[in-house]
PDB file of N, CA and C in Angstrom:
ATOM      1  N   UNK A   1     -16.469  37.072  -3.531  1.00  0.00           N
ATOM      2  CA  UNK A   1     -15.688  36.283  -4.467  1.00  0.00           C
ATOM      3  C   UNK A   1     -14.257  36.126  -4.003  1.00  0.00           C
ATOM      4  N   UNK A   2     -13.786  37.045  -3.186  1.00  0.00           N
ATOM      5  CA  UNK A   2     -12.391  37.021  -2.747  1.00  0.00           C
ATOM      6  C   UNK A   2     -12.083  35.804  -1.884  1.00  0.00           C
ATOM      7  N   UNK A   3     -13.073  35.275  -1.197  1.00  0.00           N
ATOM      8  CA  UNK A   3     -12.819  34.121  -0.334  1.00  0.00           C
ATOM      9  C   UNK A   3     -12.421  32.878  -1.118  1.00  0.00           C
ATOM     10  N   UNK A   4     -12.753  32.828  -2.404  1.00  0.00           N
ATOM     11  CA  UNK A   4     -12.364  31.675  -3.223  1.00  0.00           C
ATOM     12  C   UNK A   4     -10.862  31.655  -3.516  1.00  0.00           C
ATOM     13  N   UNK A   5     -10.184  32.771  -3.318  1.00  0.00           N
ATOM     14  CA  UNK A   5      -8.748  32.835  -3.587  1.00  0.00           C
ATOM     15  C   UNK A   5      -7.911  32.428  -2.382  1.00  0.00           C
ATOM     16  N   UNK A   6      -8.511  32.353  -1.210  1.00  0.00           N
ATOM     17  CA  UNK A   6      -7.780  32.076   0.016  1.00  0.00           C
ATOM     18  C   UNK A   6      -8.196  30.728   0.585  1.00  0.00           C
ATOM     19  N   UNK A   7      -7.370  30.226   1.481  1.00  0.00           N
ATOM     20  CA  UNK A   7      -7.736  29.027   2.221  1.00  0.00           C
ATOM     21  C   UNK A   7      -7.600  27.751   1.426  1.00  0.00           C
ATOM     22  N   UNK A   8      -8.455  26.807   1.758  1.00  0.00           N
ATOM     23  CA  UNK A   8      -8.407  25.506   1.101  1.00  0.00           C
ATOM     24  C   UNK A   8      -9.810  24.919   1.054  1.00  0.00           C
ATOM     25  N   UNK A   9      -9.949  23.839   0.336  1.00  0.00           N
ATOM     26  CA  UNK A   9     -11.221  23.124   0.291  1.00  0.00           C
ATOM     27  C   UNK A   9     -10.952  21.635   0.431  1.00  0.00           C
ATOM     28  N   UNK A  10     -11.980  20.893   0.820  1.00  0.00           N
ATOM     29  CA  UNK A  10     -11.833  19.456   0.980  1.00  0.00           C
ATOM     30  C   UNK A  10     -12.191  18.776  -0.331  1.00  0.00           C
ATOM     31  N   UNK A  11     -11.391  17.791  -0.668  1.00  0.00           N
ATOM     32  CA  UNK A  11     -11.606  17.063  -1.911  1.00  0.00           C
ATOM     33  C   UNK A  11     -11.606  15.572  -1.611  1.00  0.00           C
ATOM     34  N   UNK A  12     -12.504  14.831  -2.244  1.00  0.00           N
ATOM     35  CA  UNK A  12     -12.581  13.384  -2.071  1.00  0.00           C
ATOM     36  C   UNK A  12     -12.604  12.717  -3.442  1.00  0.00           C
ATOM     37  N   UNK A  13     -11.831  11.628  -3.569  1.00  0.00           N
ATOM     38  CA  UNK A  13     -11.896  10.841  -4.795  1.00  0.00           C
ATOM     39  C   UNK A  13     -13.071   9.871  -4.730  1.00  0.00           C
ATOM     40  N   UNK A  14     -13.262   9.282  -3.566  1.00  0.00           N
ATOM     41  CA  UNK A  14     -14.361   8.357  -3.335  1.00  0.00           C
ATOM     42  C   UNK A  14     -15.079   8.792  -2.069  1.00  0.00           C
ATOM     43  N   UNK A  15     -16.353   8.468  -1.975  1.00  0.00           N
ATOM     44  CA  UNK A  15     -17.152   8.929  -0.848  1.00  0.00           C
ATOM     45  C   UNK A  15     -16.645   8.419   0.492  1.00  0.00           C
ATOM     46  N   UNK A  16     -16.142   7.189   0.537  1.00  0.00           N
ATOM     47  CA  UNK A  16     -15.747   6.621   1.816  1.00  0.00           C
ATOM     48  C   UNK A  16     -14.307   6.934   2.211  1.00  0.00           C
ATOM     49  N   UNK A  17     -13.578   7.643   1.382  1.00  0.00           N
ATOM     50  CA  UNK A  17     -12.201   8.014   1.703  1.00  0.00           C
ATOM     51  C   UNK A  17     -12.186   9.296   2.520  1.00  0.00           C
ATOM     52  N   UNK A  18     -11.169   9.471   3.356  1.00  0.00           N
ATOM     53  CA  UNK A  18     -11.070  10.740   4.087  1.00  0.00           C
ATOM     54  C   UNK A  18     -10.783  11.900   3.124  1.00  0.00           C
ATOM     55  N   UNK A  19     -11.251  13.051   3.494  1.00  0.00           N
ATOM     56  CA  UNK A  19     -11.077  14.226   2.640  1.00  0.00           C
ATOM     57  C   UNK A  19      -9.637  14.716   2.683  1.00  0.00           C
ATOM     58  N   UNK A  20      -9.181  15.229   1.533  1.00  0.00           N
ATOM     59  CA  UNK A  20      -7.868  15.857   1.451  1.00  0.00           C
ATOM     60  C   UNK A  20      -8.086  17.366   1.407  1.00  0.00           C
ATOM     61  N   UNK A  21      -7.267  18.096   2.128  1.00  0.00           N
ATOM     62  CA  UNK A  21      -7.369  19.541   2.128  1.00  0.00           C
ATOM     63  C   UNK A  21      -6.448  20.088   1.038  1.00  0.00           C
ATOM     64  N   UNK A  22      -7.039  20.694   0.009  1.00  0.00           N
ATOM     65  CA  UNK A  22      -6.279  21.227  -1.125  1.00  0.00           C
ATOM     66  C   UNK A  22      -6.356  22.752  -1.130  1.00  0.00           C
ATOM     67  N   UNK A  23      -5.271  23.434  -1.480  1.00  0.00           N
ATOM     68  CA  UNK A  23      -5.268  24.900  -1.468  1.00  0.00           C
ATOM     69  C   UNK A  23      -6.089  25.496  -2.617  1.00  0.00           C
ATOM     70  N   UNK A  24      -6.641  26.664  -2.358  1.00  0.00           N
ATOM     71  CA  UNK A  24      -7.400  27.401  -3.375  1.00  0.00           C
ATOM     72  C   UNK A  24      -6.489  28.368  -4.122  1.00  0.00           C
ATOM     73  N   UNK A  25      -5.339  27.903  -4.595  1.00  0.00           N
ATOM     74  CA  UNK A  25      -4.393  28.801  -5.248  1.00  0.00           C
ATOM     75  C   UNK A  25      -4.763  29.068  -6.702  1.00  0.00           C
ATOM     76  N   UNK A  26      -5.668  28.291  -7.256  1.00  0.00           N
ATOM     77  CA  UNK A  26      -6.091  28.549  -8.630  1.00  0.00           C
ATOM     78  C   UNK A  26      -7.163  29.622  -8.615  1.00  0.00           C
ATOM     79  N   UNK A  27      -7.468  30.169  -9.736  1.00  0.00           N
ATOM     80  CA  UNK A  27      -8.352  31.335  -9.848  1.00  0.00           C
ATOM     81  C   UNK A  27      -9.740  31.111  -9.247  1.00  0.00           C
ATOM     82  N   UNK A  28      -9.830  31.264  -7.953  1.00  0.00           N
ATOM     83  CA  UNK A  28     -11.124  31.138  -7.312  1.00  0.00           C
ATOM     84  C   UNK A  28     -11.732  29.768  -7.504  1.00  0.00           C
ATOM     85  N   UNK A  29     -10.939  28.745  -7.387  1.00  0.00           N
ATOM     86  CA  UNK A  29     -11.431  27.408  -7.668  1.00  0.00           C
ATOM     87  C   UNK A  29     -12.376  26.909  -6.584  1.00  0.00           C
ATOM     88  N   UNK A  30     -13.229  26.002  -6.968  1.00  0.00           N
ATOM     89  CA  UNK A  30     -14.145  25.337  -6.051  1.00  0.00           C
ATOM     90  C   UNK A  30     -14.045  23.836  -6.326  1.00  0.00           C
ATOM     91  N   UNK A  31     -14.523  23.004  -5.431  1.00  0.00           N
ATOM     92  CA  UNK A  31     -14.491  21.561  -5.694  1.00  0.00           C
ATOM     93  C   UNK A  31     -15.225  21.184  -6.983  1.00  0.00           C
ATOM     94  N   UNK A  32     -16.293  21.904  -7.291  1.00  0.00           N
ATOM     95  CA  UNK A  32     -17.038  21.613  -8.514  1.00  0.00           C
ATOM     96  C   UNK A  32     -16.198  21.921  -9.759  1.00  0.00           C
ATOM     97  N   UNK A  33     -15.454  23.021  -9.722  1.00  0.00           N
ATOM     98  CA  UNK A  33     -14.596  23.375 -10.850  1.00  0.00           C
ATOM     99  C   UNK A  33     -13.461  22.377 -10.965  1.00  0.00           C
ATOM    100  N   UNK A  34     -12.855  22.020  -9.840  1.00  0.00           N
ATOM    101  CA  UNK A  34     -11.744  21.067  -9.869  1.00  0.00           C
ATOM    102  C   UNK A  34     -12.177  19.706 -10.404  1.00  0.00           C
ATOM    103  N   UNK A  35     -13.418  19.331 -10.139  1.00  0.00           N
ATOM    104  CA  UNK A  35     -13.921  18.051 -10.634  1.00  0.00           C
ATOM    105  C   UNK A  35     -14.010  18.041 -12.163  1.00  0.00           C
ATOM    106  N   UNK A  36     -14.138  19.202 -12.769  1.00  0.00           N
ATOM    107  CA  UNK A  36     -14.263  19.292 -14.229  1.00  0.00           C
ATOM    108  C   UNK A  36     -12.914  19.381 -14.936  1.00  0.00           C
ATOM    109  N   UNK A  37     -11.865  19.686 -14.219  1.00  0.00           N
ATOM    110  CA  UNK A  37     -10.545  19.835 -14.844  1.00  0.00           C
ATOM    111  C   UNK A  37     -10.023  18.496 -15.331  1.00  0.00           C
ATOM    112  N   UNK A  38      -9.328  18.499 -16.460  1.00  0.00           N
ATOM    113  CA  UNK A  38      -8.727  17.239 -16.934  1.00  0.00           C
ATOM    114  C   UNK A  38      -7.667  16.752 -15.959  1.00  0.00           C
ATOM    115  N   UNK A  39      -7.538  15.447 -15.869  1.00  0.00           N
ATOM    116  CA  UNK A  39      -6.571  14.864 -14.941  1.00  0.00           C
ATOM    117  C   UNK A  39      -5.408  14.269 -15.712  1.00  0.00           C
ATOM    118  N   UNK A  40      -4.265  14.246 -15.058  1.00  0.00           N
ATOM    119  CA  UNK A  40      -3.074  13.690 -15.688  1.00  0.00           C
ATOM    120  C   UNK A  40      -3.199  12.169 -15.745  1.00  0.00           C
ATOM    121  N   UNK A  41      -2.441  11.523 -16.621  1.00  0.00           N
ATOM    122  CA  UNK A  41      -2.462  10.059 -16.683  1.00  0.00           C
ATOM    123  C   UNK A  41      -2.098   9.417 -15.340  1.00  0.00           C
ATOM    124  N   UNK A  42      -1.210  10.055 -14.599  1.00  0.00           N
ATOM    125  CA  UNK A  42      -0.833   9.523 -13.286  1.00  0.00           C
ATOM    126  C   UNK A  42      -2.019   9.565 -12.337  1.00  0.00           C
ATOM    127  N   UNK A  43      -2.741  10.683 -12.322  1.00  0.00           N
ATOM    128  CA  UNK A  43      -3.913  10.789 -11.463  1.00  0.00           C
ATOM    129  C   UNK A  43      -4.976   9.760 -11.858  1.00  0.00           C
ATOM    130  N   UNK A  44      -5.189   9.611 -13.144  1.00  0.00           N
ATOM    131  CA  UNK A  44      -6.182   8.639 -13.611  1.00  0.00           C
ATOM    132  C   UNK A  44      -5.789   7.223 -13.217  1.00  0.00           C
ATOM    133  N   UNK A  45      -4.501   6.892 -13.355  1.00  0.00           N
ATOM    134  CA  UNK A  45      -4.026   5.552 -12.991  1.00  0.00           C
ATOM    135  C   UNK A  45      -4.198   5.318 -11.491  1.00  0.00           C
ATOM    136  N   UNK A  46      -3.825   6.324 -10.685  1.00  0.00           N
ATOM    137  CA  UNK A  46      -3.950   6.180  -9.236  1.00  0.00           C
ATOM    138  C   UNK A  46      -5.405   6.007  -8.822  1.00  0.00           C
ATOM    139  N   UNK A  47      -6.304   6.754  -9.434  1.00  0.00           N
ATOM    140  CA  UNK A  47      -7.724   6.611  -9.126  1.00  0.00           C
ATOM    141  C   UNK A  47      -8.229   5.228  -9.525  1.00  0.00           C
ATOM    142  N   UNK A  48      -7.798   4.747 -10.685  1.00  0.00           N
ATOM    143  CA  UNK A  48      -8.208   3.416 -11.127  1.00  0.00           C
ATOM    144  C   UNK A  48      -7.680   2.344 -10.180  1.00  0.00           C
ATOM    145  N   UNK A  49      -6.441   2.501  -9.726  1.00  0.00           N
ATOM    146  CA  UNK A  49      -5.872   1.538  -8.781  1.00  0.00           C
ATOM    147  C   UNK A  49      -6.647   1.545  -7.467  1.00  0.00           C
ATOM    148  N   UNK A  50      -6.982   2.733  -6.969  1.00  0.00           N
ATOM    149  CA  UNK A  50      -7.766   2.816  -5.731  1.00  0.00           C
ATOM    150  C   UNK A  50      -9.137   2.183  -5.908  1.00  0.00           C
ATOM    151  N   UNK A  51      -9.771   2.447  -7.058  1.00  0.00           N
ATOM    152  CA  UNK A  51     -11.089   1.886  -7.324  1.00  0.00           C
ATOM    153  C   UNK A  51     -11.025   0.362  -7.395  1.00  0.00           C
ATOM    154  N   UNK A  52     -10.018  -0.177  -8.080  1.00  0.00           N
ATOM    155  CA  UNK A  52      -9.871  -1.632  -8.177  1.00  0.00           C
ATOM    156  C   UNK A  52      -9.597  -2.255  -6.818  1.00  0.00           C
ATOM    157  N   UNK A  53      -8.757  -1.608  -6.020  1.00  0.00           N
ATOM    158  CA  UNK A  53      -8.460  -2.118  -4.689  1.00  0.00           C
ATOM    159  C   UNK A  53      -9.715  -2.110  -3.819  1.00  0.00           C
ATOM    160  N   UNK A  54     -10.491  -1.040  -3.916  1.00  0.00           N
ATOM    161  CA  UNK A  54     -11.739  -0.946  -3.157  1.00  0.00           C
ATOM    162  C   UNK A  54     -12.704  -2.054  -3.584  1.00  0.00           C
ATOM    163  N   UNK A  55     -12.842  -2.283  -4.890  1.00  0.00           N
ATOM    164  CA  UNK A  55     -13.726  -3.337  -5.385  1.00  0.00           C
ATOM    165  C   UNK A  55     -13.240  -4.712  -4.940  1.00  0.00           C
ATOM    166  N   UNK A  56     -11.919  -4.919  -4.969  1.00  0.00           N
ATOM    167  CA  UNK A  56     -11.348  -6.197  -4.554  1.00  0.00           C
ATOM    168  C   UNK A  56     -11.621  -6.453  -3.071  1.00  0.00           C
ATOM    169  N   UNK A  57     -11.433  -5.429  -2.250  1.00  0.00           N
ATOM    170  CA  UNK A  57     -11.692  -5.574  -0.818  1.00  0.00           C
ATOM    171  C   UNK A  57     -13.166  -5.851  -0.546  1.00  0.00           C
ATOM    172  N   UNK A  58     -14.055  -5.189  -1.278  1.00  0.00           N
ATOM    173  CA  UNK A  58     -15.490  -5.421  -1.105  1.00  0.00           C
ATOM    174  C   UNK A  58     -15.852  -6.849  -1.510  1.00  0.00           C
ATOM    175  N   UNK A  59     -15.246  -7.335  -2.597  1.00  0.00           N
ATOM    176  CA  UNK A  59     -15.506  -8.698  -3.052  1.00  0.00           C
ATOM    177  C   UNK A  59     -15.007  -9.706  -2.022  1.00  0.00           C
ATOM    178  N   UNK A  60     -13.808  -9.470  -1.478  1.00  0.00           N
ATOM    179  CA  UNK A  60     -13.273 -10.360  -0.442  1.00  0.00           C
ATOM    180  C   UNK A  60     -14.157 -10.363   0.792  1.00  0.00           C
ATOM    181  N   UNK A  61     -14.648  -9.199   1.198  1.00  0.00           N
ATOM    182  CA  UNK A  61     -15.518  -9.113   2.371  1.00  0.00           C
ATOM    183  C   UNK A  61     -16.819  -9.870   2.126  1.00  0.00           C
ATOM    184  N   UNK A  62     -17.375  -9.754   0.931  1.00  0.00           N
ATOM    185  CA  UNK A  62     -18.607 -10.475   0.605  1.00  0.00           C
ATOM    186  C   UNK A  62     -18.364 -11.981   0.613  1.00  0.00           C
ATOM    187  N   UNK A  63     -17.236 -12.428   0.073  1.00  0.00           N
ATOM    188  CA  UNK A  63     -16.913 -13.852   0.080  1.00  0.00           C
ATOM    189  C   UNK A  63     -16.704 -14.344   1.511  1.00  0.00           C
ATOM    190  N   UNK A  64     -16.056 -13.545   2.337  1.00  0.00           N
ATOM    191  CA  UNK A  64     -15.821 -13.913   3.736  1.00  0.00           C
ATOM    192  C   UNK A  64     -17.151 -14.051   4.484  1.00  0.00           C
ATOM    193  N   UNK A  65     -18.061 -13.099   4.261  1.00  0.00           N
ATOM    194  CA  UNK A  65     -19.370 -13.160   4.903  1.00  0.00           C
ATOM    195  C   UNK A  65     -20.153 -14.385   4.437  1.00  0.00           C
ATOM    196  N   UNK A  66     -20.086 -14.705   3.152  1.00  0.00           N
ATOM    197  CA  UNK A  66     -20.789 -15.873   2.618  1.00  0.00           C
ATOM    198  C   UNK A  66     -20.222 -17.156   3.224  1.00  0.00           C
ATOM    199  N   UNK A  67     -18.904 -17.221   3.363  1.00  0.00           N
ATOM    200  CA  UNK A  67     -18.279 -18.406   3.949  1.00  0.00           C
ATOM    201  C   UNK A  67     -18.670 -18.543   5.415  1.00  0.00           C
ATOM    202  N   UNK A  68     -18.731 -17.437   6.149  1.00  0.00           N
ATOM    203  CA  UNK A  68     -19.134 -17.487   7.549  1.00  0.00           C
ATOM    204  C   UNK A  68     -20.595 -17.913   7.681  1.00  0.00           C
ATOM    205  N   UNK A  69     -21.449 -17.412   6.802  1.00  0.00           N
ATOM    206  CA  UNK A  69     -22.863 -17.796   6.838  1.00  0.00           C
ATOM    207  C   UNK A  69     -23.019 -19.275   6.510  1.00  0.00           C
ATOM    208  N   UNK A  70     -22.250 -19.757   5.544  1.00  0.00           N
ATOM    209  CA  UNK A  70     -22.294 -21.172   5.178  1.00  0.00           C
ATOM    210  C   UNK A  70     -21.799 -22.039   6.328  1.00  0.00           C
ATOM    211  N   UNK A  71     -20.743 -21.619   6.994  1.00  0.00           N
ATOM    212  CA  UNK A  71     -20.215 -22.371   8.132  1.00  0.00           C
ATOM    213  C   UNK A  71     -21.223 -22.385   9.281  1.00  0.00           C
ATOM    214  N   UNK A  72     -21.883 -21.263   9.531  1.00  0.00           N
ATOM    215  CA  UNK A  72     -22.887 -21.201  10.587  1.00  0.00           C
ATOM    216  C   UNK A  72     -24.072 -22.102  10.260  1.00  0.00           C
ATOM    217  N   UNK A  73     -24.477 -22.102   8.985  1.00  0.00           N
ATOM    218  CA  UNK A  73     -25.588 -22.972   8.577  1.00  0.00           C
ATOM    219  C   UNK A  73     -25.205 -24.438   8.716  1.00  0.00           C
ATOM    220  N   UNK A  74     -23.984 -24.779   8.355  1.00  0.00           N
ATOM    221  CA  UNK A  74     -23.516 -26.165   8.483  1.00  0.00           C
ATOM    222  C   UNK A  74     -23.444 -26.581   9.948  1.00  0.00           C
ATOM    223  N   UNK A  75     -22.991 -25.699  10.802  1.00  0.00           N
ATOM    224  CA  UNK A  75     -22.926 -26.001  12.232  1.00  0.00           C
ATOM    225  C   UNK A  75     -24.325 -26.176  12.812  1.00  0.00           C
ATOM    226  N   UNK A  76     -25.249 -25.334  12.387  1.00  0.00           N
ATOM    227  CA  UNK A  76     -26.633 -25.446  12.854  1.00  0.00           C
ATOM    228  C   UNK A  76     -27.266 -26.746  12.382  1.00  0.00           C
ATOM    229  N   UNK A  77     -26.988 -27.116  11.145  1.00  0.00           N
ATOM    230  CA  UNK A  77     -27.507 -28.377  10.590  1.00  0.00           C
ATOM    231  C   UNK A  77     -26.917 -29.566  11.317  1.00  0.00           C
ATOM    232  N   UNK A  78     -25.642 -29.482  11.658  1.00  0.00           N
ATOM    233  CA  UNK A  78     -24.979 -30.587  12.359  1.00  0.00           C
ATOM    234  C   UNK A  78     -25.539 -30.755  13.763  1.00  0.00           C
ATOM    235  N   UNK A  79     -25.841 -29.638  14.439  1.00  0.00           N
ATOM    236  CA  UNK A  79     -26.402 -29.750  15.784  1.00  0.00           C
ATOM    237  C   UNK A  79     -27.852 -30.202  15.741  1.00  0.00           C
ATOM    238  N   UNK A  80     -28.561 -29.889  14.686  1.00  0.00           N
ATOM    239  CA  UNK A  80     -29.965 -30.292  14.554  1.00  0.00           C
ATOM    240  C   UNK A  80     -30.076 -31.788  14.305  1.00  0.00           C
ATOM    241  N   UNK A  81     -29.117 -32.391  13.621  1.00  0.00           N
ATOM    242  CA  UNK A  81     -29.139 -33.825  13.293  1.00  0.00           C
ATOM    243  C   UNK A  81     -28.259 -34.640  14.195  1.00  0.00           C
ATOM    244  N   UNK A  82     -27.755 -34.045  15.252  1.00  0.00           N
ATOM    245  CA  UNK A  82     -26.886 -34.793  16.173  1.00  0.00           C
ATOM    246  C   UNK A  82     -27.728 -35.839  16.919  1.00  0.00           C
ATOM    247  N   UNK A  83     -27.165 -37.030  17.119  1.00  0.00           N
ATOM    248  CA  UNK A  83     -27.937 -38.094  17.788  1.00  0.00           C
ATOM    249  C   UNK A  83     -28.137 -37.840  19.258  1.00  0.00           C
TER     250      UNK A  83
END
């Protein structure tokens, strides 16, 4: 049990984000315990902002891919009907 008081653990807000190394200065804390602790309004706002930014980037990437696929299809159609 003593090892929970020393060192640090890795924490992630989102799966695709790099891990942050946080100290184990709380009473034998683990990532599972930290996940259950209430968060401050600032932490909640920052997480919401990161989540919205991630969703926005994913939406932009999907739109970009759709536009590229549409352009490729149009180019293929144009070459197929070329005289």
